[in-house]
N, C-alpha and C. Protein backbone atom coordinates (compact mmCIF):
# COMPACT_ATOMS: atom_id res chain seq x y z
N UNK A 1 158.03 -29.28 -76.75
CA UNK A 1 158.80 -28.79 -76.12
C UNK A 1 160.41 -29.54 -76.90
N UNK A 2 161.25 -29.16 -77.09
CA UNK A 2 162.39 -30.00 -77.39
C UNK A 2 163.30 -30.29 -76.44
N UNK A 3 163.92 -31.32 -76.20
CA UNK A 3 165.28 -31.26 -74.82
C UNK A 3 166.08 -31.25 -76.00
N UNK A 4 167.52 -30.84 -75.45
CA UNK A 4 168.95 -30.81 -75.35
C UNK A 4 169.63 -30.27 -74.15
N UNK A 5 169.95 -31.88 -74.39
CA UNK A 5 170.91 -32.56 -72.95
C UNK A 5 172.61 -31.68 -73.75
N UNK A 6 173.57 -31.37 -72.93
CA UNK A 6 174.70 -30.96 -73.53
C UNK A 6 175.73 -31.41 -72.27
N UNK A 7 177.12 -32.19 -72.87
CA UNK A 7 177.44 -33.15 -72.33
C UNK A 7 178.78 -32.11 -71.98
N UNK A 8 179.86 -31.81 -71.37
CA UNK A 8 180.96 -31.78 -71.46
C UNK A 8 181.61 -32.68 -69.53
N UNK A 9 183.35 -32.73 -70.18
CA UNK A 9 183.71 -33.25 -69.01
C UNK A 9 185.27 -33.42 -69.00
N UNK A 10 185.63 -32.23 -67.70
CA UNK A 10 186.79 -31.10 -68.17
C UNK A 10 186.92 -29.97 -68.63
N UNK A 11 187.30 -29.34 -68.64
CA UNK A 11 188.12 -27.79 -69.53
C UNK A 11 188.11 -28.37 -70.72
N UNK A 12 188.35 -27.33 -71.67
CA UNK A 12 189.18 -27.71 -72.41
C UNK A 12 190.47 -26.74 -72.81
N UNK A 13 191.72 -26.92 -73.03
CA UNK A 13 192.32 -26.14 -73.05
C UNK A 13 193.09 -25.70 -74.77
N UNK A 14 192.78 -25.97 -75.85
CA UNK A 14 193.15 -26.33 -76.75
C UNK A 14 191.86 -25.11 -77.25
N UNK A 15 192.15 -24.19 -77.33
CA UNK A 15 191.54 -22.68 -78.36
C UNK A 15 190.12 -23.92 -79.32
N UNK A 16 191.64 -24.53 -80.14
CA UNK A 16 190.26 -25.00 -81.47
C UNK A 16 189.60 -25.69 -80.58
N UNK A 17 189.25 -26.95 -80.19
CA UNK A 17 188.49 -27.19 -79.38
C UNK A 17 187.03 -26.51 -78.86
N UNK A 18 187.49 -25.56 -78.19
CA UNK A 18 186.38 -24.34 -76.98
C UNK A 18 185.85 -24.35 -78.33
N UNK A 19 186.39 -23.82 -79.71
CA UNK A 19 185.52 -22.79 -80.66
C UNK A 19 185.08 -23.33 -81.31
N UNK A 20 185.46 -25.08 -82.01
CA UNK A 20 185.15 -25.75 -82.54
C UNK A 20 183.24 -26.64 -81.80
N UNK A 21 183.67 -26.29 -79.78
CA UNK A 21 182.69 -26.59 -79.89
C UNK A 21 181.54 -25.51 -79.95
N UNK A 22 182.05 -24.17 -79.25
CA UNK A 22 180.97 -23.23 -79.51
C UNK A 22 180.26 -23.45 -80.74
N UNK A 23 180.88 -22.96 -81.62
CA UNK A 23 180.22 -23.32 -83.26
C UNK A 23 179.20 -24.35 -82.93
N UNK A 24 179.35 -25.72 -82.35
CA UNK A 24 178.63 -26.50 -82.22
C UNK A 24 177.12 -26.84 -81.75
N UNK A 25 177.73 -25.94 -80.19
CA UNK A 25 176.31 -25.81 -79.33
C UNK A 25 175.84 -24.76 -80.25
N UNK A 26 175.52 -23.47 -80.57
CA UNK A 26 175.57 -22.06 -81.42
C UNK A 26 174.59 -22.96 -82.21
N UNK A 27 175.29 -24.20 -83.49
CA UNK A 27 174.50 -24.35 -84.58
C UNK A 27 172.81 -25.36 -83.63
N UNK A 28 173.75 -26.20 -82.66
CA UNK A 28 172.44 -27.32 -82.38
C UNK A 28 171.20 -26.49 -81.29
N UNK A 29 171.74 -25.06 -81.20
CA UNK A 29 170.07 -24.07 -80.32
C UNK A 29 169.76 -23.94 -81.40
N UNK A 30 170.68 -22.63 -82.64
CA UNK A 30 169.93 -22.72 -83.83
C UNK A 30 169.11 -23.96 -84.15
N UNK A 31 169.04 -25.08 -84.59
CA UNK A 31 168.33 -25.89 -84.71
C UNK A 31 167.04 -26.26 -84.23
N UNK A 32 166.95 -25.92 -82.54
CA UNK A 32 166.52 -26.13 -81.71
C UNK A 32 165.44 -24.98 -82.29
N UNK A 33 166.16 -23.93 -81.98
CA UNK A 33 165.20 -22.83 -82.04
C UNK A 33 163.88 -21.85 -83.30
N UNK A 34 164.89 -22.94 -84.79
CA UNK A 34 164.10 -22.59 -85.60
C UNK A 34 162.95 -23.67 -86.02
N UNK A 35 163.35 -24.90 -84.67
CA UNK A 35 161.51 -25.57 -84.96
C UNK A 35 162.42 -26.72 -86.28
N UNK A 36 163.25 -26.45 -86.15
CA UNK A 36 163.21 -27.36 -88.24
C UNK A 36 162.51 -29.11 -88.27
N UNK A 37 162.45 -29.20 -87.40
CA UNK A 37 161.97 -30.91 -87.53
C UNK A 37 160.68 -30.36 -87.90
N UNK A 38 159.51 -29.45 -87.27
CA UNK A 38 158.36 -28.51 -87.89
C UNK A 38 158.66 -28.72 -89.41
N UNK A 39 159.44 -27.60 -89.61
CA UNK A 39 159.14 -26.92 -91.26
C UNK A 39 160.14 -28.23 -92.12
N UNK A 40 160.45 -29.18 -91.52
CA UNK A 40 161.07 -30.19 -92.47
C UNK A 40 160.17 -30.62 -92.44
N UNK A 41 158.96 -30.99 -91.95
CA UNK A 41 157.24 -31.79 -91.91
C UNK A 41 156.61 -30.91 -93.06
N UNK A 42 156.60 -30.20 -92.67
CA UNK A 42 155.92 -29.68 -93.65
C UNK A 42 155.96 -29.28 -95.01
N UNK A 43 157.79 -29.63 -95.39
CA UNK A 43 158.58 -29.20 -96.33
C UNK A 43 157.57 -30.19 -97.64
N UNK A 44 158.06 -31.86 -97.23
CA UNK A 44 158.05 -32.73 -97.38
C UNK A 44 156.70 -33.81 -96.70
N UNK A 45 156.04 -33.05 -96.69
CA UNK A 45 154.26 -33.02 -97.10
C UNK A 45 153.60 -33.57 -98.17
N UNK A 46 153.97 -32.63 -99.30
CA UNK A 46 153.92 -33.33 -100.68
C UNK A 46 154.71 -33.90 -101.22
N UNK A 47 155.77 -34.68 -101.14
CA UNK A 47 157.15 -35.09 -101.43
C UNK A 47 157.39 -33.68 -102.71
N UNK A 48 157.75 -32.55 -102.49
CA UNK A 48 158.62 -32.15 -103.07
C UNK A 48 158.98 -30.46 -102.02
N UNK A 49 159.66 -29.54 -102.85
CA UNK A 49 159.72 -28.88 -102.21
C UNK A 49 159.88 -27.58 -103.79
N UNK A 50 158.38 -26.81 -102.61
CA UNK A 50 158.62 -25.65 -104.39
C UNK A 50 159.39 -24.52 -103.23
N UNK A 51 159.38 -23.47 -104.71
CA UNK A 51 160.26 -22.54 -104.84
C UNK A 51 159.90 -20.71 -103.44
N UNK A 52 159.10 -21.77 -102.79
CA UNK A 52 158.90 -20.59 -101.78
C UNK A 52 159.34 -21.47 -100.39
N UNK A 53 159.61 -22.42 -100.72
CA UNK A 53 160.56 -23.67 -99.04
C UNK A 53 162.11 -23.38 -99.65
N UNK A 54 162.25 -23.07 -101.04
CA UNK A 54 163.39 -23.57 -101.03
C UNK A 54 164.56 -22.99 -100.61
N UNK A 55 164.53 -21.93 -100.30
CA UNK A 55 164.95 -20.72 -99.31
C UNK A 55 165.61 -21.04 -97.50
N UNK A 56 164.21 -21.10 -97.48
CA UNK A 56 164.07 -22.07 -96.57
C UNK A 56 164.75 -22.94 -95.71
N UNK A 57 164.53 -24.48 -97.02
CA UNK A 57 165.31 -24.98 -96.78
C UNK A 57 167.05 -25.81 -97.25
N UNK A 58 167.20 -24.50 -98.14
CA UNK A 58 168.59 -24.82 -98.40
C UNK A 58 169.14 -24.05 -96.86
N UNK A 59 168.63 -23.17 -96.25
CA UNK A 59 168.65 -22.46 -94.98
C UNK A 59 168.82 -23.21 -93.79
N UNK A 60 167.83 -24.98 -93.91
CA UNK A 60 168.05 -25.13 -92.51
C UNK A 60 169.57 -26.13 -93.29
N UNK A 61 169.76 -26.91 -94.40
CA UNK A 61 171.03 -27.22 -94.98
C UNK A 61 172.08 -26.67 -94.79
N UNK A 62 172.53 -25.75 -94.78
CA UNK A 62 173.90 -24.51 -94.01
C UNK A 62 173.64 -24.90 -93.24
N UNK A 63 172.91 -24.79 -92.33
CA UNK A 63 173.12 -24.27 -90.89
C UNK A 63 173.56 -26.29 -90.49
N UNK A 64 172.58 -27.03 -90.40
CA UNK A 64 173.28 -28.46 -90.05
C UNK A 64 174.04 -29.06 -91.21
N UNK A 65 175.39 -28.57 -92.30
CA UNK A 65 176.33 -28.57 -93.39
C UNK A 65 177.15 -27.63 -91.73
N UNK A 66 176.87 -26.87 -90.81
CA UNK A 66 177.99 -26.24 -90.11
C UNK A 66 177.14 -27.03 -88.75
N UNK A 67 176.63 -27.50 -88.16
CA UNK A 67 177.11 -28.70 -87.15
C UNK A 67 177.77 -28.89 -87.03
N UNK A 68 177.52 -30.14 -88.29
CA UNK A 68 177.90 -31.48 -89.15
C UNK A 68 179.67 -31.26 -88.85
N UNK A 69 180.22 -29.79 -89.61
CA UNK A 69 181.41 -29.63 -89.87
C UNK A 69 181.94 -29.93 -88.55
N UNK A 70 180.88 -28.85 -87.88
CA UNK A 70 182.25 -28.26 -86.29
C UNK A 70 182.20 -29.62 -85.14
N UNK A 71 181.35 -30.61 -85.59
CA UNK A 71 180.70 -32.19 -84.69
C UNK A 71 182.15 -32.35 -85.89
N UNK A 72 183.26 -32.89 -86.91
CA UNK A 72 184.06 -33.84 -87.07
C UNK A 72 185.12 -32.95 -86.27
N UNK A 73 185.46 -30.91 -87.09
CA UNK A 73 185.72 -30.62 -85.52
C UNK A 73 187.11 -31.68 -84.57
N UNK A 74 185.79 -30.88 -84.14
CA UNK A 74 185.96 -31.89 -82.48
C UNK A 74 186.56 -33.09 -82.56
N UNK A 75 185.94 -34.41 -82.73
CA UNK A 75 185.54 -35.41 -83.40
C UNK A 75 187.51 -35.92 -84.08
N UNK A 76 187.43 -35.28 -85.29
CA UNK A 76 189.57 -35.29 -85.35
C UNK A 76 189.92 -34.71 -85.19
N UNK A 77 189.98 -34.22 -83.91
CA UNK A 77 190.99 -32.94 -84.02
C UNK A 77 192.31 -33.71 -83.29
N UNK A 78 192.51 -34.58 -82.75
CA UNK A 78 193.29 -35.14 -82.04
C UNK A 78 194.89 -35.31 -82.92
N UNK A 79 195.12 -34.63 -81.96
CA UNK A 79 196.70 -33.74 -81.56
C UNK A 79 196.75 -33.14 -82.66
N UNK A 80 195.72 -32.59 -83.08
CA UNK A 80 196.33 -30.73 -83.80
C UNK A 80 197.03 -29.96 -83.05
N UNK A 81 196.98 -28.86 -84.21
CA UNK A 81 198.57 -27.87 -83.09
C UNK A 81 197.21 -27.04 -83.10
N UNK A 82 197.60 -26.02 -82.17
CA UNK A 82 196.79 -24.72 -81.77
C UNK A 82 197.35 -23.46 -82.18
């Protein structure tokens, strides 16, 4: 079982913060639900990603990219207009 801890201090008044935070949490929960760690371990066990594993790998990478994008939107949003 994986443990996810979410911390939020105060209220997010700016809409873009709330939207980015919601996307980030959504991505993280989706990664946890998909058991990405186990899927990646199975894929790299033989040192290569075959044609059967490729769509799953690409989907996981797309999800990770979405989470990363949302994180950076929150991280560097200081002074951004809503």
